Amino acid sequence: MIVLTKLDGQRVAVNEDLLVFAEKTPDTVITMTSGQRLMVKESLDEIVRMAADFRARASPARVPEGVPHG
């Protein structure tokens, strides 16, 4: 999950797997798979970075092919 800040200052944890897209309108609006929309203070770049960081931490380390492991 990533933690975002609503325009009223309330912090919310969002399952980043459920994000469909984010847009700048001029506020940043994220749209979830359910169709729910949420306006947040974070920029598009921040949301992309947070989602990428979360995925990097959540994904198991991968061993390149041909490299012995174990």
PDB file of N, CA and C in Angstrom:
ATOM      1  N   MET A   1       0.836  -1.182   0.000  1.00  0.00           N
ATOM      2  CA  MET A   1       0.000   0.000   0.000  1.00  0.00           C
ATOM      3  C   MET A   1       0.881   1.245   0.000  1.00  0.00           C
ATOM      4  N   ILE A   2       0.352   2.298  -0.575  1.00  0.00           N
ATOM      5  CA  ILE A   2       1.039   3.573  -0.537  1.00  0.00           C
ATOM      6  C   ILE A   2       0.185   4.543   0.265  1.00  0.00           C
ATOM      7  N   VAL A   3       0.833   5.466   0.961  1.00  0.00           N
ATOM      8  CA  VAL A   3       0.121   6.428   1.800  1.00  0.00           C
ATOM      9  C   VAL A   3       0.071   7.764   1.068  1.00  0.00           C
ATOM     10  N   LEU A   4      -1.160   8.265   0.883  1.00  0.00           N
ATOM     11  CA  LEU A   4      -1.380   9.524   0.194  1.00  0.00           C
ATOM     12  C   LEU A   4      -2.094  10.493   1.122  1.00  0.00           C
ATOM     13  N   THR A   5      -2.093  11.776   0.752  1.00  0.00           N
ATOM     14  CA  THR A   5      -2.708  12.811   1.569  1.00  0.00           C
ATOM     15  C   THR A   5      -3.868  13.442   0.807  1.00  0.00           C
ATOM     16  N   LYS A   6      -5.073  13.323   1.376  1.00  0.00           N
ATOM     17  CA  LYS A   6      -6.235  13.971   0.771  1.00  0.00           C
ATOM     18  C   LYS A   6      -6.088  15.480   0.913  1.00  0.00           C
ATOM     19  N   LEU A   7      -6.866  16.241   0.160  1.00  0.00           N
ATOM     20  CA  LEU A   7      -6.749  17.690   0.176  1.00  0.00           C
ATOM     21  C   LEU A   7      -7.034  18.293   1.544  1.00  0.00           C
ATOM     22  N   ASP A   8      -7.838  17.591   2.381  1.00  0.00           N
ATOM     23  CA  ASP A   8      -8.131  18.098   3.729  1.00  0.00           C
ATOM     24  C   ASP A   8      -7.050  17.735   4.743  1.00  0.00           C
ATOM     25  N   GLY A   9      -5.960  17.101   4.269  1.00  0.00           N
ATOM     26  CA  GLY A   9      -4.844  16.734   5.137  1.00  0.00           C
ATOM     27  C   GLY A   9      -4.927  15.328   5.701  1.00  0.00           C
ATOM     28  N   GLN A  10      -6.051  14.650   5.524  1.00  0.00           N
ATOM     29  CA  GLN A  10      -6.208  13.276   6.019  1.00  0.00           C
ATOM     30  C   GLN A  10      -5.314  12.341   5.213  1.00  0.00           C
ATOM     31  N   ARG A  11      -4.554  11.498   5.916  1.00  0.00           N
ATOM     32  CA  ARG A  11      -3.668  10.524   5.275  1.00  0.00           C
ATOM     33  C   ARG A  11      -4.451   9.227   5.067  1.00  0.00           C
ATOM     34  N   VAL A  12      -4.318   8.629   3.899  1.00  0.00           N
ATOM     35  CA  VAL A  12      -5.007   7.384   3.575  1.00  0.00           C
ATOM     36  C   VAL A  12      -4.025   6.408   2.948  1.00  0.00           C
ATOM     37  N   ALA A  13      -4.200   5.133   3.246  1.00  0.00           N
ATOM     38  CA  ALA A  13      -3.398   4.074   2.626  1.00  0.00           C
ATOM     39  C   ALA A  13      -4.211   3.506   1.464  1.00  0.00           C
ATOM     40  N   VAL A  14      -3.566   3.439   0.298  1.00  0.00           N
ATOM     41  CA  VAL A  14      -4.235   2.997  -0.917  1.00  0.00           C
ATOM     42  C   VAL A  14      -3.505   1.768  -1.454  1.00  0.00           C
ATOM     43  N   ASN A  15      -4.273   0.746  -1.806  1.00  0.00           N
ATOM     44  CA  ASN A  15      -3.692  -0.439  -2.429  1.00  0.00           C
ATOM     45  C   ASN A  15      -3.275  -0.051  -3.843  1.00  0.00           C
ATOM     46  N   GLU A  16      -1.982   0.042  -4.078  1.00  0.00           N
ATOM     47  CA  GLU A  16      -1.498   0.533  -5.363  1.00  0.00           C
ATOM     48  C   GLU A  16      -1.852  -0.391  -6.525  1.00  0.00           C
ATOM     49  N   ASP A  17      -2.173  -1.650  -6.237  1.00  0.00           N
ATOM     50  CA  ASP A  17      -2.601  -2.569  -7.295  1.00  0.00           C
ATOM     51  C   ASP A  17      -3.974  -2.189  -7.848  1.00  0.00           C
ATOM     52  N   LEU A  18      -4.738  -1.390  -7.100  1.00  0.00           N
ATOM     53  CA  LEU A  18      -6.083  -1.021  -7.523  1.00  0.00           C
ATOM     54  C   LEU A  18      -6.149   0.331  -8.229  1.00  0.00           C
ATOM     55  N   LEU A  19      -4.988   0.963  -8.432  1.00  0.00           N
ATOM     56  CA  LEU A  19      -4.950   2.233  -9.156  1.00  0.00           C
ATOM     57  C   LEU A  19      -5.068   1.974 -10.652  1.00  0.00           C
ATOM     58  N   VAL A  20      -5.978   2.677 -11.305  1.00  0.00           N
ATOM     59  CA  VAL A  20      -6.115   2.568 -12.754  1.00  0.00           C
ATOM     60  C   VAL A  20      -5.251   3.640 -13.404  1.00  0.00           C
ATOM     61  N   PHE A  21      -5.425   4.886 -12.970  1.00  0.00           N
ATOM     62  CA  PHE A  21      -4.579   5.965 -13.466  1.00  0.00           C
ATOM     63  C   PHE A  21      -4.651   7.163 -12.537  1.00  0.00           C
ATOM     64  N   ALA A  22      -3.725   8.085 -12.741  1.00  0.00           N
ATOM     65  CA  ALA A  22      -3.683   9.336 -12.001  1.00  0.00           C
ATOM     66  C   ALA A  22      -3.566  10.455 -13.024  1.00  0.00           C
ATOM     67  N   GLU A  23      -4.179  11.584 -12.711  1.00  0.00           N
ATOM     68  CA  GLU A  23      -4.133  12.712 -13.639  1.00  0.00           C
ATOM     69  C   GLU A  23      -4.044  14.023 -12.872  1.00  0.00           C
ATOM     70  N   LYS A  24      -3.522  15.035 -13.511  1.00  0.00           N
ATOM     71  CA  LYS A  24      -3.397  16.370 -12.939  1.00  0.00           C
ATOM     72  C   LYS A  24      -4.507  17.216 -13.531  1.00  0.00           C
ATOM     73  N   THR A  25      -5.408  17.780 -12.663  1.00  0.00           N
ATOM     74  CA  THR A  25      -6.608  18.438 -13.210  1.00  0.00           C
ATOM     75  C   THR A  25      -7.008  19.758 -12.549  1.00  0.00           C
ATOM     76  N   PRO A  26      -6.384  20.702 -11.997  1.00  0.00           N
ATOM     77  CA  PRO A  26      -4.970  20.819 -11.674  1.00  0.00           C
ATOM     78  C   PRO A  26      -4.560  20.040 -10.430  1.00  0.00           C
ATOM     79  N   ASP A  27      -5.531  19.652  -9.576  1.00  0.00           N
ATOM     80  CA  ASP A  27      -5.171  18.789  -8.448  1.00  0.00           C
ATOM     81  C   ASP A  27      -4.890  17.393  -8.988  1.00  0.00           C
ATOM     82  N   THR A  28      -4.158  16.594  -8.229  1.00  0.00           N
ATOM     83  CA  THR A  28      -3.894  15.221  -8.642  1.00  0.00           C
ATOM     84  C   THR A  28      -5.093  14.368  -8.253  1.00  0.00           C
ATOM     85  N   VAL A  29      -5.651  13.665  -9.227  1.00  0.00           N
ATOM     86  CA  VAL A  29      -6.804  12.798  -9.009  1.00  0.00           C
ATOM     87  C   VAL A  29      -6.403  11.383  -9.387  1.00  0.00           C
ATOM     88  N   ILE A  30      -6.619  10.438  -8.454  1.00  0.00           N
ATOM     89  CA  ILE A  30      -6.370   9.033  -8.786  1.00  0.00           C
ATOM     90  C   ILE A  30      -7.722   8.344  -8.974  1.00  0.00           C
ATOM     91  N   THR A  31      -7.763   7.424  -9.911  1.00  0.00           N
ATOM     92  CA  THR A  31      -8.971   6.647 -10.161  1.00  0.00           C
ATOM     93  C   THR A  31      -8.651   5.192  -9.861  1.00  0.00           C
ATOM     94  N   MET A  32      -9.538   4.581  -9.062  1.00  0.00           N
ATOM     95  CA  MET A  32      -9.362   3.196  -8.635  1.00  0.00           C
ATOM     96  C   MET A  32     -10.118   2.261  -9.590  1.00  0.00           C
ATOM     97  N   THR A  33      -9.839   0.975  -9.523  1.00  0.00           N
ATOM     98  CA  THR A  33     -10.522  -0.004 -10.373  1.00  0.00           C
ATOM     99  C   THR A  33     -12.025  -0.002 -10.129  1.00  0.00           C
ATOM    100  N   SER A  34     -12.459   0.402  -8.939  1.00  0.00           N
ATOM    101  CA  SER A  34     -13.891   0.465  -8.606  1.00  0.00           C
ATOM    102  C   SER A  34     -14.572   1.670  -9.241  1.00  0.00           C
ATOM    103  N   GLY A  35     -13.769   2.592  -9.807  1.00  0.00           N
ATOM    104  CA  GLY A  35     -14.309   3.823 -10.357  1.00  0.00           C
ATOM    105  C   GLY A  35     -14.252   4.973  -9.366  1.00  0.00           C
ATOM    106  N   GLN A  36     -13.960   4.671  -8.100  1.00  0.00           N
ATOM    107  CA  GLN A  36     -13.838   5.713  -7.091  1.00  0.00           C
ATOM    108  C   GLN A  36     -12.669   6.620  -7.449  1.00  0.00           C
ATOM    109  N   ARG A  37     -12.874   7.925  -7.258  1.00  0.00           N
ATOM    110  CA  ARG A  37     -11.816   8.903  -7.540  1.00  0.00           C
ATOM    111  C   ARG A  37     -11.438   9.585  -6.238  1.00  0.00           C
ATOM    112  N   LEU A  38     -10.177   9.922  -6.115  1.00  0.00           N
ATOM    113  CA  LEU A  38      -9.655  10.529  -4.898  1.00  0.00           C
ATOM    114  C   LEU A  38      -8.689  11.640  -5.271  1.00  0.00           C
ATOM    115  N   MET A  39      -8.945  12.858  -4.764  1.00  0.00           N
ATOM    116  CA  MET A  39      -8.025  13.972  -5.002  1.00  0.00           C
ATOM    117  C   MET A  39      -6.999  13.979  -3.881  1.00  0.00           C
ATOM    118  N   VAL A  40      -5.728  14.078  -4.270  1.00  0.00           N
ATOM    119  CA  VAL A  40      -4.642  14.009  -3.295  1.00  0.00           C
ATOM    120  C   VAL A  40      -3.653  15.149  -3.517  1.00  0.00           C
ATOM    121  N   LYS A  41      -2.850  15.422  -2.486  1.00  0.00           N
ATOM    122  CA  LYS A  41      -1.856  16.497  -2.544  1.00  0.00           C
ATOM    123  C   LYS A  41      -0.598  16.097  -3.303  1.00  0.00           C
ATOM    124  N   GLU A  42      -0.278  14.807  -3.332  1.00  0.00           N
ATOM    125  CA  GLU A  42       0.954  14.347  -3.975  1.00  0.00           C
ATOM    126  C   GLU A  42       0.896  14.597  -5.486  1.00  0.00           C
ATOM    127  N   SER A  43       2.060  14.832  -6.071  1.00  0.00           N
ATOM    128  CA  SER A  43       2.148  15.032  -7.517  1.00  0.00           C
ATOM    129  C   SER A  43       2.118  13.672  -8.230  1.00  0.00           C
ATOM    130  N   LEU A  44       1.910  13.730  -9.541  1.00  0.00           N
ATOM    131  CA  LEU A  44       1.952  12.493 -10.336  1.00  0.00           C
ATOM    132  C   LEU A  44       3.293  11.794 -10.178  1.00  0.00           C
ATOM    133  N   ASP A  45       4.377  12.569 -10.236  1.00  0.00           N
ATOM    134  CA  ASP A  45       5.715  11.982 -10.101  1.00  0.00           C
ATOM    135  C   ASP A  45       5.879  11.286  -8.759  1.00  0.00           C
ATOM    136  N   GLU A  46       5.353  11.887  -7.687  1.00  0.00           N
ATOM    137  CA  GLU A  46       5.469  11.270  -6.360  1.00  0.00           C
ATOM    138  C   GLU A  46       4.691   9.962  -6.302  1.00  0.00           C
ATOM    139  N   ILE A  47       3.497   9.936  -6.884  1.00  0.00           N
ATOM    140  CA  ILE A  47       2.672   8.722  -6.862  1.00  0.00           C
ATOM    141  C   ILE A  47       3.360   7.612  -7.655  1.00  0.00           C
ATOM    142  N   VAL A  48       3.899   7.944  -8.813  1.00  0.00           N
ATOM    143  CA  VAL A  48       4.609   6.943  -9.622  1.00  0.00           C
ATOM    144  C   VAL A  48       5.807   6.402  -8.845  1.00  0.00           C
ATOM    145  N   ARG A  49       6.568   7.293  -8.197  1.00  0.00           N
ATOM    146  CA  ARG A  49       7.740   6.862  -7.426  1.00  0.00           C
ATOM    147  C   ARG A  49       7.319   5.966  -6.265  1.00  0.00           C
ATOM    148  N   MET A  50       6.273   6.359  -5.539  1.00  0.00           N
ATOM    149  CA  MET A  50       5.820   5.553  -4.399  1.00  0.00           C
ATOM    150  C   MET A  50       5.356   4.171  -4.853  1.00  0.00           C
ATOM    151  N   ALA A  51       4.621   4.110  -5.957  1.00  0.00           N
ATOM    152  CA  ALA A  51       4.143   2.823  -6.466  1.00  0.00           C
ATOM    153  C   ALA A  51       5.320   1.949  -6.896  1.00  0.00           C
ATOM    154  N   ALA A  52       6.293   2.543  -7.580  1.00  0.00           N
ATOM    155  CA  ALA A  52       7.475   1.783  -8.014  1.00  0.00           C
ATOM    156  C   ALA A  52       8.280   1.306  -6.811  1.00  0.00           C
ATOM    157  N   ASP A  53       8.457   2.169  -5.810  1.00  0.00           N
ATOM    158  CA  ASP A  53       9.186   1.779  -4.597  1.00  0.00           C
ATOM    159  C   ASP A  53       8.476   0.634  -3.886  1.00  0.00           C
ATOM    160  N   PHE A  54       7.139   0.718  -3.801  1.00  0.00           N
ATOM    161  CA  PHE A  54       6.374  -0.345  -3.149  1.00  0.00           C
ATOM    162  C   PHE A  54       6.560  -1.661  -3.891  1.00  0.00           C
ATOM    163  N   ARG A  55       6.444  -1.628  -5.197  1.00  0.00           N
ATOM    164  CA  ARG A  55       6.601  -2.866  -5.980  1.00  0.00           C
ATOM    165  C   ARG A  55       8.001  -3.445  -5.824  1.00  0.00           C
ATOM    166  N   ALA A  56       8.998  -2.588  -5.778  1.00  0.00           N
ATOM    167  CA  ALA A  56      10.373  -3.063  -5.620  1.00  0.00           C
ATOM    168  C   ALA A  56      10.550  -3.747  -4.265  1.00  0.00           C
ATOM    169  N   ARG A  57       9.931  -3.201  -3.225  1.00  0.00           N
ATOM    170  CA  ARG A  57      10.036  -3.809  -1.890  1.00  0.00           C
ATOM    171  C   ARG A  57       9.198  -5.077  -1.778  1.00  0.00           C
ATOM    172  N   ALA A  58       8.069  -5.127  -2.479  1.00  0.00           N
ATOM    173  CA  ALA A  58       7.150  -6.256  -2.360  1.00  0.00           C
ATOM    174  C   ALA A  58       7.548  -7.444  -3.227  1.00  0.00           C
ATOM    175  N   SER A  59       8.322  -7.206  -4.294  1.00  0.00           N
ATOM    176  CA  SER A  59       8.705  -8.277  -5.207  1.00  0.00           C
ATOM    177  C   SER A  59       9.875  -9.064  -4.640  1.00  0.00           C
ATOM    178  N   PRO A  60       9.821 -10.373  -4.747  1.00  0.00           N
ATOM    179  CA  PRO A  60      10.962 -11.167  -4.289  1.00  0.00           C
ATOM    180  C   PRO A  60      12.175 -10.899  -5.177  1.00  0.00           C
ATOM    181  N   ALA A  61      13.343 -11.001  -4.596  1.00  0.00           N
ATOM    182  CA  ALA A  61      14.572 -10.808  -5.368  1.00  0.00           C
ATOM    183  C   ALA A  61      14.641 -11.873  -6.448  1.00  0.00           C
ATOM    184  N   ARG A  62      15.013 -11.469  -7.619  1.00  0.00           N
ATOM    185  CA  ARG A  62      15.105 -12.423  -8.726  1.00  0.00           C
ATOM    186  C   ARG A  62      16.559 -12.724  -9.033  1.00  0.00           C
ATOM    187  N   VAL A  63      16.828 -13.984  -9.260  1.00  0.00           N
ATOM    188  CA  VAL A  63      18.190 -14.400  -9.603  1.00  0.00           C
ATOM    189  C   VAL A  63      18.254 -14.506 -11.113  1.00  0.00           C
ATOM    190  N   PRO A  64      19.184 -13.784 -11.761  1.00  0.00           N
ATOM    191  CA  PRO A  64      19.291 -13.852 -13.224  1.00  0.00           C
ATOM    192  C   PRO A  64      19.550 -15.282 -13.683  1.00  0.00           C
ATOM    193  N   GLU A  65      19.076 -15.597 -14.885  1.00  0.00           N
ATOM    194  CA  GLU A  65      19.295 -16.924 -15.450  1.00  0.00           C
ATOM    195  C   GLU A  65      20.785 -17.217 -15.553  1.00  0.00           C
ATOM    196  N   GLY A  66      21.152 -18.443 -15.289  1.00  0.00           N
ATOM    197  CA  GLY A  66      22.539 -18.862 -15.415  1.00  0.00           C
ATOM    198  C   GLY A  66      23.379 -18.598 -14.164  1.00  0.00           C
ATOM    199  N   VAL A  67      22.797 -17.900 -13.197  1.00  0.00           N
ATOM    200  CA  VAL A  67      23.542 -17.622 -11.957  1.00  0.00           C
ATOM    201  C   VAL A  67      23.145 -18.695 -10.949  1.00  0.00           C
ATOM    202  N   PRO A  68      24.138 -19.421 -10.417  1.00  0.00           N
ATOM    203  CA  PRO A  68      23.797 -20.457  -9.435  1.00  0.00           C
ATOM    204  C   PRO A  68      23.226 -19.823  -8.170  1.00  0.00           C
ATOM    205  N   HIS A  69      22.237 -20.474  -7.611  1.00  0.00           N
ATOM    206  CA  HIS A  69      21.652 -19.987  -6.346  1.00  0.00           C
ATOM    207  C   HIS A  69      21.364 -21.171  -5.448  1.00  0.00           C
ATOM    208  N   GLY A  70      21.309 -20.881  -4.170  1.00  0.00           N
ATOM    209  CA  GLY A  70      20.961 -21.923  -3.212  1.00  0.00           C
ATOM    210  C   GLY A  70      22.134 -22.435  -2.543  1.00  0.00           C
TER     211      GLY A  70
END
